[in-house]
Amino acid sequence: MTFSCGLMQTKGSIKITEKIIWISLCGFAVFSPWSVAGAQTMAAVGLLAWLAKMLLSGNVNLVRTPLNLPILLYVAALVISVILSPFKMHSLSAFREEWLLLIFFLIVNNVKEEGEVEKLLTILIAVSILVGLYAIWQHYSGMDLYRNESLEPKGGVFISLGFFSHHLTFGGYFMLTFLLALVLFLRTKRAGLRRIIDFCAPILLGLSLVFSYARSAWLGAVMGILAFGVLKGGKFILLMMVGICVLALLIYVVEPTSWDRVKEINLSKDKPESTRIRLWQTSIRMIKESPVWGVGLGGWGVLFDEYKVEGVYAATCHPHNDYLNVAVNTGLLGLLAYLSIWSVFLYSTVRSVLKNTSSGLARSVQMGGIAAIVAFLFAGLLQCYYTDAEVNMLLMFILGLTTVLNLKARGEVS
């Protein structure tokens, strides 16, 4: 009798942890578009509840996914980089930021149903719409109410950044939510108010992206749209290309300052716009110093003055290139591990999409995940988006939800 009561109490405790995990995931979706602290708090609560669940159940087995090994290899490269680093405490501090990878495992081990995926994405996009409306207002008002500051002017308007601290972070984040919203609108068949919301979402999020003036995110969004067109195949890719051109023309007519942002590019050696080239050259110098294991995690800031290429710099916080940044920190082996994460994800998801010819929500989310990751990979050629916690957390969120649907399509999730 005592044993039976204890078992019932344990089962009750496990159900409580499962509820806490679900609430934390919903909370993450609520906070993610506007508060990095709130989103990280929700993620931490969810991870602690998941740990408690495993301890109570005595089951610590992780769901097997194609991404488990690539992520493990990448973490191994990070650990080796810390061990071999000449500035270990600094590298260890940088390593702590990689805990965000756990968000992926939190999702794939605790989200089981397609309906749960839909709810989390609905919350994320709904809150993003509200933040997008605020960003559009910022563009014309020039006010950052959250920090009580004026925004950077651009002609007669202003560069939007929502609730984030930098317009590039805001652009990178809304690049991803815009593509998710766009693909869901084009692929799902919902009626009534839900369809109206689905229609308005990519428009508002797209305007927010444009008003961020993040050119790298603009490039990423275009490539994400094209990736979606390629997946759809046939005449759809042509339709997407025509749509991009028409959209670019409309943006130019409605907001000509966006074109001015493109014309600002000047790669002359004495111009700040050529900063990226010198940052990339500096990165290559560092990589040559330690090509296999890297100079040490977080080494860019420590070694910049020693290796920098002379010239004008508008910013020196990182190489403005995700791939060079990883190669500097963890060497070419770390870069290969990093690339394997995205390559395996795209391969497994594209394979799942091609096998599943239905037009349901699951396939839409999978295609949205592909478009978002393709966008991130191209945008990462010009900016370090992986190191932005806000963007990084959303990437893990997208990887997790899409992988859940991949596994379900293969019958590996009950």
Protein backbone atom coordinates (compact mmCIF):
# COMPACT_ATOMS: atom_id res chain seq x y z
CA MET A 1 0.00 0.00 0.00
CA THR A 2 2.80 2.37 0.93
CA PHE A 3 4.63 1.48 -2.27
CA SER A 4 1.48 2.11 -4.31
CA CYS A 5 0.95 5.53 -2.71
CA GLY A 6 4.57 6.43 -3.33
CA LEU A 7 4.22 5.42 -6.97
CA MET A 8 1.09 7.54 -7.37
CA GLN A 9 2.84 10.51 -5.78
CA THR A 10 5.77 10.07 -8.15
CA LYS A 11 3.46 9.95 -11.16
CA GLY A 12 1.70 13.07 -9.89
CA SER A 13 5.02 14.84 -9.49
CA ILE A 14 6.04 13.85 -13.02
CA LYS A 15 2.79 15.31 -14.38
CA ILE A 16 3.53 18.54 -12.54
CA THR A 17 6.98 18.76 -14.13
CA GLU A 18 5.42 18.13 -17.55
CA LYS A 19 2.99 21.01 -16.98
CA ILE A 20 5.86 23.29 -15.90
CA ILE A 21 7.81 22.33 -19.03
CA TRP A 22 4.84 23.16 -21.26
CA ILE A 23 4.17 26.46 -19.50
CA SER A 24 7.85 27.36 -19.80
CA LEU A 25 7.85 26.62 -23.54
CA CYS A 26 4.75 28.78 -24.00
CA GLY A 27 6.41 31.47 -21.88
CA PHE A 28 9.51 31.24 -24.05
CA ALA A 29 7.37 31.85 -27.15
CA VAL A 30 5.78 34.86 -25.43
CA PHE A 31 9.04 36.48 -24.31
CA SER A 32 11.32 35.54 -27.20
CA PRO A 33 10.31 38.35 -29.62
CA TRP A 34 10.93 41.12 -27.09
CA SER A 35 12.82 40.04 -23.96
CA VAL A 36 16.03 38.01 -23.96
CA ALA A 37 16.00 37.84 -20.15
CA GLY A 38 12.41 36.58 -20.07
CA ALA A 39 13.05 33.99 -22.79
CA GLN A 40 16.20 32.70 -21.10
CA THR A 41 14.41 32.51 -17.75
CA MET A 42 11.62 30.44 -19.30
CA ALA A 43 14.15 28.18 -21.00
CA ALA A 44 16.04 27.69 -17.73
CA VAL A 45 12.82 26.85 -15.85
CA GLY A 46 11.90 24.34 -18.54
CA LEU A 47 15.33 22.71 -18.40
CA LEU A 48 15.19 22.42 -14.61
CA ALA A 49 11.70 20.91 -14.78
CA TRP A 50 12.90 18.45 -17.43
CA LEU A 51 15.83 17.47 -15.20
CA ALA A 52 13.40 16.93 -12.31
CA LYS A 53 11.19 14.81 -14.55
CA MET A 54 14.12 12.59 -15.53
CA LEU A 55 15.20 12.16 -11.91
CA LEU A 56 11.67 11.31 -10.79
CA SER A 57 11.06 8.84 -13.60
CA GLY A 58 14.54 7.37 -13.59
CA ASN A 59 14.57 7.73 -17.38
CA VAL A 60 17.40 9.86 -18.77
CA ASN A 61 17.35 8.60 -22.34
CA LEU A 62 17.38 11.34 -24.97
CA VAL A 63 15.20 11.13 -28.04
CA ARG A 64 17.39 10.08 -30.94
CA THR A 65 17.53 12.73 -33.63
CA PRO A 66 19.86 13.24 -36.61
CA LEU A 67 21.18 16.38 -34.89
CA ASN A 68 22.35 14.76 -31.66
CA LEU A 69 25.75 13.71 -33.02
CA PRO A 70 26.53 16.95 -34.92
CA ILE A 71 25.69 19.02 -31.85
CA LEU A 72 27.80 16.73 -29.66
CA LEU A 73 30.73 17.09 -32.06
CA TYR A 74 30.37 20.87 -32.03
CA VAL A 75 30.29 20.93 -28.22
CA ALA A 76 33.38 18.70 -28.18
CA ALA A 77 35.18 21.20 -30.43
CA LEU A 78 34.17 24.00 -28.04
CA VAL A 79 35.48 22.08 -25.04
CA ILE A 80 38.80 21.37 -26.75
CA SER A 81 39.05 25.04 -27.68
CA VAL A 82 38.59 25.98 -24.02
CA ILE A 83 41.14 23.41 -22.83
CA LEU A 84 43.80 24.57 -25.32
CA SER A 85 43.01 28.26 -24.91
CA PRO A 86 45.84 30.47 -23.60
CA PHE A 87 43.17 32.51 -21.77
CA LYS A 88 41.10 29.73 -20.22
CA MET A 89 38.90 31.77 -17.88
CA HIS A 90 37.86 34.07 -20.71
CA SER A 91 37.15 31.06 -22.95
CA LEU A 92 35.21 29.34 -20.18
CA SER A 93 33.06 32.44 -19.82
CA ALA A 94 32.37 32.39 -23.56
CA PHE A 95 31.55 28.66 -23.40
CA ARG A 96 28.74 29.30 -20.92
CA GLU A 97 26.80 31.12 -23.65
CA GLU A 98 26.49 27.85 -25.56
CA TRP A 99 23.94 26.52 -23.05
CA LEU A 100 21.30 27.78 -25.46
CA LEU A 101 21.86 24.59 -27.48
CA LEU A 102 19.93 22.82 -24.72
CA ILE A 103 16.73 24.53 -25.92
CA PHE A 104 16.76 22.17 -28.90
CA PHE A 105 16.92 19.11 -26.64
CA LEU A 106 14.27 20.53 -24.33
CA ILE A 107 11.84 20.77 -27.23
CA VAL A 108 12.52 17.48 -29.02
CA ASN A 109 12.27 15.53 -25.75
CA ASN A 110 9.09 17.17 -24.47
CA VAL A 111 6.98 18.27 -27.46
CA LYS A 112 5.22 15.28 -28.99
CA GLU A 113 2.14 16.45 -30.85
CA GLU A 114 1.64 18.49 -34.00
CA GLY A 115 -0.98 20.51 -32.13
CA GLU A 116 1.62 21.55 -29.55
CA VAL A 117 3.95 22.71 -32.33
CA GLU A 118 1.10 24.75 -33.82
CA LYS A 119 0.28 26.38 -30.47
CA LEU A 120 3.89 27.38 -29.82
CA LEU A 121 4.30 28.85 -33.30
CA THR A 122 0.97 30.67 -33.04
CA ILE A 123 2.07 32.30 -29.78
CA LEU A 124 5.46 33.23 -31.24
CA ILE A 125 4.03 34.81 -34.38
CA ALA A 126 1.18 36.56 -32.52
CA VAL A 127 3.60 38.26 -30.10
CA SER A 128 5.97 39.03 -32.98
CA ILE A 129 3.10 40.82 -34.75
CA LEU A 130 2.57 43.05 -31.71
CA VAL A 131 6.29 43.83 -31.55
CA GLY A 132 6.25 44.41 -35.30
CA LEU A 133 3.51 47.01 -34.95
CA TYR A 134 5.62 48.76 -32.34
CA ALA A 135 8.66 48.62 -34.65
CA ILE A 136 6.67 50.15 -37.50
CA TRP A 137 5.60 52.96 -35.15
CA GLN A 138 9.25 53.39 -34.14
CA HIS A 139 10.23 53.80 -37.78
CA TYR A 140 8.12 56.93 -38.08
CA SER A 141 8.19 58.27 -34.52
CA GLY A 142 11.90 57.77 -33.83
CA MET A 143 11.25 56.80 -30.21
CA ASP A 144 12.48 53.82 -28.22
CA LEU A 145 9.98 53.86 -25.36
CA TYR A 146 11.62 50.89 -23.64
CA ARG A 147 14.93 52.73 -23.17
CA ASN A 148 13.52 56.26 -23.39
CA GLU A 149 15.95 57.08 -26.21
CA SER A 150 15.79 58.47 -29.73
CA LEU A 151 16.46 56.08 -32.57
CA GLU A 152 19.09 56.48 -35.28
CA PRO A 153 17.68 58.67 -38.07
CA LYS A 154 17.72 57.55 -41.69
CA GLY A 155 16.53 60.35 -43.93
CA GLY A 156 13.17 61.50 -42.61
CA VAL A 157 12.52 58.23 -40.77
CA PHE A 158 14.34 56.04 -38.22
CA ILE A 159 15.94 52.61 -37.89
CA SER A 160 13.67 50.27 -35.92
CA LEU A 161 14.98 47.85 -33.31
CA GLY A 162 11.85 46.81 -31.43
CA PHE A 163 12.75 45.94 -27.84
CA PHE A 164 16.22 44.67 -28.74
CA SER A 165 19.45 46.61 -28.21
CA HIS A 166 20.65 46.57 -31.83
CA HIS A 167 18.93 46.87 -35.19
CA LEU A 168 20.94 43.95 -36.65
CA THR A 169 19.72 41.64 -33.89
CA PHE A 170 16.18 42.82 -34.52
CA GLY A 171 16.58 42.32 -38.27
CA GLY A 172 18.02 38.83 -37.85
CA TYR A 173 15.21 37.79 -35.52
CA PHE A 174 12.41 39.16 -37.69
CA MET A 175 13.99 37.65 -40.79
CA LEU A 176 13.23 34.26 -39.25
CA THR A 177 9.72 35.04 -37.99
CA PHE A 178 8.81 36.68 -41.31
CA LEU A 179 9.75 33.55 -43.25
CA LEU A 180 7.86 31.28 -40.86
CA ALA A 181 4.76 33.48 -41.17
CA LEU A 182 5.07 33.74 -44.96
CA VAL A 183 5.37 30.00 -45.54
CA LEU A 184 2.53 29.21 -43.14
CA PHE A 185 0.29 31.68 -44.97
CA LEU A 186 1.13 30.28 -48.40
CA ARG A 187 0.86 26.64 -47.43
CA THR A 188 -1.93 26.28 -44.88
CA LYS A 189 -5.65 26.38 -45.65
CA ARG A 190 -7.35 28.03 -42.73
CA ALA A 191 -10.50 30.11 -42.87
CA GLY A 192 -12.06 33.02 -41.04
CA LEU A 193 -10.15 35.16 -38.56
CA ARG A 194 -7.16 32.77 -38.53
CA ARG A 195 -6.72 33.27 -42.28
CA ILE A 196 -6.84 37.05 -41.88
CA ILE A 197 -4.17 36.87 -39.18
CA ASP A 198 -2.10 34.56 -41.37
CA PHE A 199 -2.38 37.11 -44.20
CA CYS A 200 -1.43 40.12 -42.05
CA ALA A 201 1.48 38.40 -40.27
CA PRO A 202 4.04 38.28 -43.13
CA ILE A 203 3.14 41.83 -44.18
CA LEU A 204 3.70 43.33 -40.72
CA LEU A 205 6.75 41.20 -39.97
CA GLY A 206 8.15 41.91 -43.43
CA LEU A 207 7.80 45.67 -42.91
CA SER A 208 9.50 45.33 -39.54
CA LEU A 209 12.37 43.53 -41.24
CA VAL A 210 12.69 46.26 -43.87
CA PHE A 211 12.61 48.99 -41.24
CA SER A 212 15.45 47.32 -39.33
CA TYR A 213 17.74 48.35 -42.22
CA ALA A 214 19.71 45.14 -41.65
CA ARG A 215 20.99 44.43 -45.14
CA SER A 216 22.37 41.01 -44.21
CA ALA A 217 18.90 40.02 -42.97
CA TRP A 218 17.37 41.34 -46.19
CA LEU A 219 19.70 39.08 -48.18
CA GLY A 220 18.87 36.15 -45.94
CA ALA A 221 15.12 36.69 -46.35
CA VAL A 222 15.43 36.73 -50.15
CA MET A 223 17.41 33.48 -50.12
CA GLY A 224 14.92 31.92 -47.72
CA ILE A 225 12.04 32.80 -50.06
CA LEU A 226 13.94 31.33 -53.01
CA ALA A 227 14.64 28.15 -51.02
CA PHE A 228 10.92 27.79 -50.39
CA GLY A 229 10.26 28.30 -54.10
CA VAL A 230 12.79 25.60 -55.02
CA LEU A 231 11.13 23.16 -52.60
CA LYS A 232 7.75 23.87 -54.10
CA GLY A 233 9.20 23.45 -57.57
CA GLY A 234 7.77 24.07 -61.00
CA LYS A 235 6.44 27.53 -61.73
CA PHE A 236 6.44 28.43 -58.04
CA ILE A 237 10.12 29.39 -58.05
CA LEU A 238 9.44 31.82 -60.90
CA LEU A 239 6.47 33.19 -58.99
CA MET A 240 8.67 33.73 -55.93
CA MET A 241 11.31 35.57 -58.01
CA VAL A 242 8.67 37.82 -59.58
CA GLY A 243 7.15 38.38 -56.13
CA ILE A 244 10.52 39.46 -54.72
CA CYS A 245 10.98 41.98 -57.54
CA VAL A 246 7.47 43.39 -57.11
CA LEU A 247 7.96 43.58 -53.34
CA ALA A 248 11.29 45.39 -53.78
CA LEU A 249 9.61 47.91 -56.10
CA LEU A 250 6.76 48.51 -53.66
CA ILE A 251 9.21 49.01 -50.81
CA TYR A 252 11.17 51.50 -52.89
CA VAL A 253 8.01 53.45 -53.70
CA VAL A 254 6.65 53.42 -50.14
CA GLU A 255 9.98 53.84 -48.35
CA PRO A 256 12.79 55.08 -50.67
CA THR A 257 15.23 55.39 -47.75
CA SER A 258 15.53 51.60 -47.85
CA TRP A 259 17.21 51.89 -51.26
CA ASP A 260 19.50 54.55 -49.85
CA ARG A 261 20.69 51.92 -47.37
CA VAL A 262 21.80 49.75 -50.28
CA LYS A 263 23.52 52.65 -52.03
CA GLU A 264 25.53 53.38 -48.87
CA ILE A 265 27.80 50.43 -49.62
CA ASN A 266 31.27 51.80 -50.34
CA LEU A 267 34.23 49.43 -50.23
CA SER A 268 36.93 52.09 -50.45
CA LYS A 269 39.73 51.44 -47.98
CA ASP A 270 39.16 54.67 -46.08
CA LYS A 271 35.42 54.13 -45.63
CA PRO A 272 33.69 52.48 -42.63
CA GLU A 273 31.54 50.47 -45.08
CA SER A 274 34.60 48.40 -45.95
CA THR A 275 34.99 47.38 -42.28
CA ARG A 276 33.75 43.86 -43.01
CA ILE A 277 36.54 43.22 -45.49
CA ARG A 278 39.19 44.17 -42.94
CA LEU A 279 37.43 42.13 -40.26
CA TRP A 280 37.47 39.10 -42.55
CA GLN A 281 41.14 39.62 -43.37
CA THR A 282 41.90 39.88 -39.65
CA SER A 283 39.96 36.67 -39.05
CA ILE A 284 41.98 34.81 -41.68
CA ARG A 285 45.19 35.95 -39.97
CA MET A 286 43.95 34.47 -36.70
CA ILE A 287 42.85 31.22 -38.35
CA LYS A 288 46.29 30.80 -39.93
CA GLU A 289 47.81 31.08 -36.45
CA SER A 290 45.89 28.01 -35.23
CA PRO A 291 43.97 26.41 -38.13
CA VAL A 292 43.04 23.10 -36.48
CA TRP A 293 41.79 23.96 -32.96
CA GLY A 294 41.41 27.74 -33.19
CA VAL A 295 42.92 30.48 -31.05
CA GLY A 296 40.57 29.81 -28.14
CA LEU A 297 36.89 30.36 -27.56
CA GLY A 298 36.20 34.09 -27.29
CA GLY A 299 39.66 34.81 -28.64
CA TRP A 300 38.58 37.38 -31.20
CA GLY A 301 38.31 40.27 -28.76
CA VAL A 302 41.46 39.30 -26.88
CA LEU A 303 43.67 38.99 -29.97
CA PHE A 304 42.13 41.59 -32.28
CA ASP A 305 44.72 44.32 -31.72
CA GLU A 306 47.54 41.83 -32.33
CA TYR A 307 46.22 40.56 -35.66
CA LYS A 308 44.12 43.42 -37.03
CA VAL A 309 44.55 44.69 -40.56
CA GLU A 310 45.16 48.42 -40.55
CA GLY A 311 42.36 50.69 -41.68
CA VAL A 312 39.08 52.32 -40.67
CA TYR A 313 36.73 50.20 -38.52
CA ALA A 314 33.08 51.00 -37.81
CA ALA A 315 32.89 48.06 -35.37
CA THR A 316 35.26 45.42 -34.02
CA CYS A 317 33.06 43.30 -31.73
CA HIS A 318 33.24 40.22 -33.99
CA PRO A 319 34.21 39.24 -37.57
CA HIS A 320 30.74 39.99 -38.99
CA ASN A 321 30.72 36.46 -40.41
CA ASP A 322 29.45 33.43 -38.49
CA TYR A 323 31.73 30.97 -40.26
CA LEU A 324 34.91 32.96 -39.75
CA ASN A 325 33.94 33.56 -36.14
CA VAL A 326 33.57 29.82 -35.48
CA ALA A 327 36.80 29.05 -37.32
CA VAL A 328 38.71 31.67 -35.29
CA ASN A 329 37.41 30.26 -32.01
CA THR A 330 37.45 26.51 -32.66
CA GLY A 331 39.50 26.03 -35.82
CA LEU A 332 38.53 24.28 -39.03
CA LEU A 333 37.45 21.14 -37.16
CA GLY A 334 35.03 23.21 -35.10
CA LEU A 335 33.78 24.86 -38.28
CA LEU A 336 33.13 21.46 -39.86
CA ALA A 337 31.17 20.39 -36.77
CA TYR A 338 29.20 23.66 -36.84
CA LEU A 339 28.37 23.23 -40.53
CA SER A 340 27.33 19.62 -39.93
CA ILE A 341 24.51 20.80 -37.64
CA TRP A 342 22.86 22.84 -40.37
CA SER A 343 23.70 20.39 -43.18
CA VAL A 344 22.17 17.43 -41.34
CA PHE A 345 19.10 19.48 -40.40
CA LEU A 346 18.51 20.61 -43.99
CA TYR A 347 19.12 17.13 -45.40
CA SER A 348 16.78 15.38 -42.96
CA THR A 349 14.05 18.02 -43.28
CA VAL A 350 14.18 18.27 -47.08
CA ARG A 351 14.04 14.49 -47.24
CA SER A 352 10.99 14.45 -44.96
CA VAL A 353 9.25 17.19 -46.98
CA LEU A 354 9.84 15.44 -50.30
CA LYS A 355 8.44 12.19 -48.93
CA ASN A 356 5.39 13.90 -47.43
CA THR A 357 3.25 15.23 -50.27
CA SER A 358 0.36 16.37 -48.08
CA SER A 359 -0.40 20.07 -47.66
CA GLY A 360 -1.01 20.07 -43.93
CA LEU A 361 0.42 22.24 -41.20
CA ALA A 362 3.32 19.89 -40.44
CA ARG A 363 4.72 20.15 -43.95
CA SER A 364 4.27 23.92 -43.86
CA VAL A 365 6.24 24.20 -40.64
CA GLN A 366 8.98 21.96 -42.04
CA MET A 367 9.27 24.12 -45.16
CA GLY A 368 9.26 27.23 -43.00
CA GLY A 369 12.08 25.72 -40.95
CA ILE A 370 14.10 25.08 -44.11
CA ALA A 371 13.51 28.62 -45.39
CA ALA A 372 14.48 30.13 -42.02
CA ILE A 373 17.73 28.14 -41.71
CA VAL A 374 18.73 28.85 -45.32
CA ALA A 375 18.14 32.55 -44.60
CA PHE A 376 20.25 32.36 -41.45
CA LEU A 377 23.09 30.64 -43.28
CA PHE A 378 23.23 33.28 -46.00
CA ALA A 379 22.80 36.19 -43.61
CA GLY A 380 25.65 34.70 -41.57
CA LEU A 381 28.02 35.47 -44.43
CA LEU A 382 27.75 39.16 -43.53
CA GLN A 383 26.95 39.17 -39.82
CA CYS A 384 27.43 37.08 -36.65
CA TYR A 385 23.83 36.12 -35.96
CA TYR A 386 24.64 32.90 -34.12
CA THR A 387 26.32 34.90 -31.34
CA ASP A 388 23.18 37.02 -30.82
CA ALA A 389 21.35 35.28 -27.97
CA GLU A 390 17.96 36.44 -29.25
CA VAL A 391 18.54 34.95 -32.71
CA ASN A 392 20.34 31.87 -31.36
CA MET A 393 17.44 30.95 -29.08
CA LEU A 394 14.95 31.30 -31.92
CA LEU A 395 17.15 29.11 -34.12
CA MET A 396 17.14 26.36 -31.49
CA PHE A 397 13.36 26.79 -31.16
CA ILE A 398 12.93 26.35 -34.92
CA LEU A 399 15.34 23.41 -35.08
CA GLY A 400 13.50 21.72 -32.22
CA LEU A 401 9.95 22.14 -33.51
CA THR A 402 10.88 21.16 -37.06
CA THR A 403 12.79 18.09 -35.86
CA VAL A 404 9.77 16.98 -33.81
CA LEU A 405 7.71 17.00 -37.02
CA ASN A 406 10.50 15.23 -38.95
CA LEU A 407 10.55 12.43 -36.37
CA LYS A 408 6.76 12.23 -36.32
CA ALA A 409 6.68 11.93 -40.11
CA ARG A 410 9.10 9.00 -39.81
CA GLY A 411 6.98 7.43 -37.05
CA GLU A 412 9.66 7.91 -34.36
CA VAL A 413 7.52 10.06 -32.07
CA SER A 414 4.39 8.57 -30.55
